[in-house]
Amino acid sequence: MNTPQPQSDSRLAELDVEILLRFGLPHPGPHRSTLFGDGAVAAAITVDRLGALPRALAFLGETVRAGGTRFAAALPEPLPGPAATVARGWLEAAAMVVQDPTGDQLVARWLDAVAAVLALRITHREATP
């Protein structure tokens, strides 16, 4: 078993989350692990820098559960403010490979993971003097 190596926020933010979605959603195993690990952290860093809140990502996850990935990708503003463009890119990348409601659930779970990481980042930042 390999021990994960620590990475800086700037290095993680450079990851191409759209590519991780296109390879991680349809392929269980290392690609999906990377999507839900480094990919979720990279996504949280990105939207944190754009001022998104965890509840917005959680709501987007619920929207995906209710209407599907393609429906959410067509929303004019999937997340409020500047994060909308980034979220639309993620959803469009996911929509390329999601074929059924099981895939939509996976996308929603990933958005929940991003929301959880974002919430931890915010809580830690607020607790740090």
Protein backbone atom coordinates (compact mmCIF):
# COMPACT_ATOMS: atom_id res chain seq x y z
CA MET A 1 0.00 0.00 0.00
CA ASN A 2 1.32 3.41 -0.93
CA THR A 3 1.28 6.18 1.63
CA PRO A 4 -0.31 9.32 0.20
CA GLN A 5 2.12 12.18 -0.13
CA PRO A 6 1.04 15.57 1.21
CA GLN A 7 0.30 18.13 -1.47
CA SER A 8 -0.08 21.88 -1.28
CA ASP A 9 -3.32 23.68 -2.06
CA SER A 10 -1.73 25.22 -5.14
CA ARG A 11 -0.66 21.84 -6.48
CA LEU A 12 -4.07 20.29 -5.85
CA ALA A 13 -5.83 23.29 -7.41
CA GLU A 14 -3.92 22.58 -10.63
CA LEU A 15 -5.62 19.20 -11.05
CA ASP A 16 -8.04 18.95 -13.95
CA VAL A 17 -11.22 18.04 -12.08
CA GLU A 18 -13.17 17.65 -15.33
CA ILE A 19 -10.77 14.93 -16.52
CA LEU A 20 -10.97 13.24 -13.11
CA LEU A 21 -14.77 13.21 -13.43
CA ARG A 22 -14.68 11.76 -16.95
CA PHE A 23 -12.37 8.93 -15.91
CA GLY A 24 -13.43 8.42 -12.28
CA LEU A 25 -17.19 8.21 -12.67
CA PRO A 26 -17.35 5.31 -15.13
CA HIS A 27 -14.32 3.39 -13.78
CA PRO A 28 -14.32 2.02 -10.23
CA GLY A 29 -10.89 1.53 -8.75
CA PRO A 30 -7.95 3.94 -8.72
CA HIS A 31 -9.56 6.52 -11.02
CA ARG A 32 -12.63 6.79 -8.80
CA SER A 33 -10.49 6.84 -5.65
CA THR A 34 -8.53 9.75 -7.07
CA LEU A 35 -11.77 11.54 -7.99
CA PHE A 36 -13.19 11.20 -4.48
CA GLY A 37 -9.82 11.91 -2.84
CA ASP A 38 -7.58 14.47 -4.49
CA GLY A 39 -10.33 15.48 -6.93
CA ALA A 40 -12.79 16.40 -4.18
CA VAL A 41 -10.10 18.39 -2.36
CA ALA A 42 -9.07 20.16 -5.58
CA ALA A 43 -12.70 21.04 -6.30
CA ALA A 44 -13.20 22.32 -2.74
CA ILE A 45 -10.08 24.51 -3.00
CA THR A 46 -11.29 25.92 -6.31
CA VAL A 47 -14.79 26.85 -5.14
CA ASP A 48 -13.46 28.06 -1.79
CA ARG A 49 -11.30 30.57 -3.65
CA LEU A 50 -14.43 31.68 -5.54
CA GLY A 51 -16.44 32.19 -2.35
CA ALA A 52 -18.86 29.26 -2.65
CA LEU A 53 -20.45 27.85 0.49
CA PRO A 54 -20.80 24.16 1.40
CA ARG A 55 -24.59 24.41 1.48
CA ALA A 56 -24.61 25.50 -2.18
CA LEU A 57 -22.70 22.36 -3.18
CA ALA A 58 -24.97 20.19 -1.03
CA PHE A 59 -28.00 21.78 -2.69
CA LEU A 60 -26.46 21.14 -6.12
CA GLY A 61 -26.03 17.50 -5.11
CA GLU A 62 -29.72 17.32 -4.22
CA THR A 63 -30.57 18.92 -7.58
CA VAL A 64 -28.55 16.21 -9.35
CA ARG A 65 -30.36 13.54 -7.34
CA ALA A 66 -33.75 15.01 -8.23
CA GLY A 67 -33.24 15.97 -11.87
CA GLY A 68 -30.07 14.24 -13.04
CA THR A 69 -26.64 15.41 -14.07
CA ARG A 70 -27.70 16.68 -17.50
CA PHE A 71 -30.51 18.72 -15.98
CA ALA A 72 -28.12 20.30 -13.45
CA ALA A 73 -25.54 21.01 -16.18
CA ALA A 74 -28.16 23.01 -18.09
CA LEU A 75 -28.94 25.29 -15.13
CA PRO A 76 -27.99 28.92 -15.80
CA GLU A 77 -26.30 29.16 -12.39
CA PRO A 78 -25.59 25.76 -10.79
CA LEU A 79 -23.70 27.54 -8.00
CA PRO A 80 -24.04 31.20 -7.05
CA GLY A 81 -21.59 33.79 -8.32
CA PRO A 82 -18.28 33.11 -10.03
CA ALA A 83 -18.32 29.42 -9.02
CA ALA A 84 -21.18 28.85 -11.50
CA THR A 85 -18.83 28.54 -14.48
CA VAL A 86 -16.61 26.02 -12.71
CA ALA A 87 -19.57 23.94 -11.52
CA ARG A 88 -21.09 23.94 -15.00
CA GLY A 89 -17.81 22.59 -16.40
CA TRP A 90 -17.80 19.79 -13.83
CA LEU A 91 -21.41 18.91 -14.55
CA GLU A 92 -20.90 18.96 -18.32
CA ALA A 93 -17.86 16.68 -17.95
CA ALA A 94 -19.85 14.31 -15.75
CA ALA A 95 -22.81 14.37 -18.14
CA MET A 96 -20.52 13.02 -20.88
CA VAL A 97 -20.10 9.72 -19.03
CA VAL A 98 -23.15 9.37 -16.77
CA GLN A 99 -25.62 7.01 -18.39
CA ASP A 100 -28.27 6.34 -15.75
CA PRO A 101 -29.61 7.29 -12.30
CA THR A 102 -26.85 5.27 -10.64
CA GLY A 103 -24.31 7.57 -12.29
CA ASP A 104 -26.33 10.61 -11.18
CA GLN A 105 -26.17 9.31 -7.60
CA LEU A 106 -22.41 8.98 -7.89
CA VAL A 107 -22.13 12.60 -9.11
CA ALA A 108 -24.33 13.72 -6.20
CA ARG A 109 -22.16 11.78 -3.73
CA TRP A 110 -19.06 13.44 -5.18
CA LEU A 111 -20.64 16.90 -4.78
CA ASP A 112 -21.46 15.97 -1.17
CA ALA A 113 -17.79 15.02 -0.66
CA VAL A 114 -16.68 18.37 -2.10
CA ALA A 115 -19.14 20.15 0.23
CA ALA A 116 -17.76 18.24 3.23
CA VAL A 117 -14.15 19.11 2.39
CA LEU A 118 -15.14 22.74 1.83
CA ALA A 119 -16.92 22.82 5.21
CA LEU A 120 -13.79 21.45 6.90
CA ARG A 121 -11.62 24.06 5.22
CA ILE A 122 -13.91 26.87 6.36
CA THR A 123 -14.22 25.52 9.91
CA HIS A 124 -10.45 25.10 10.22
CA ARG A 125 -9.80 28.58 8.83
CA GLU A 126 -12.27 30.13 11.27
CA ALA A 127 -10.78 28.22 14.19
CA THR A 128 -7.21 29.23 13.33
CA PRO A 129 -6.17 32.57 14.82
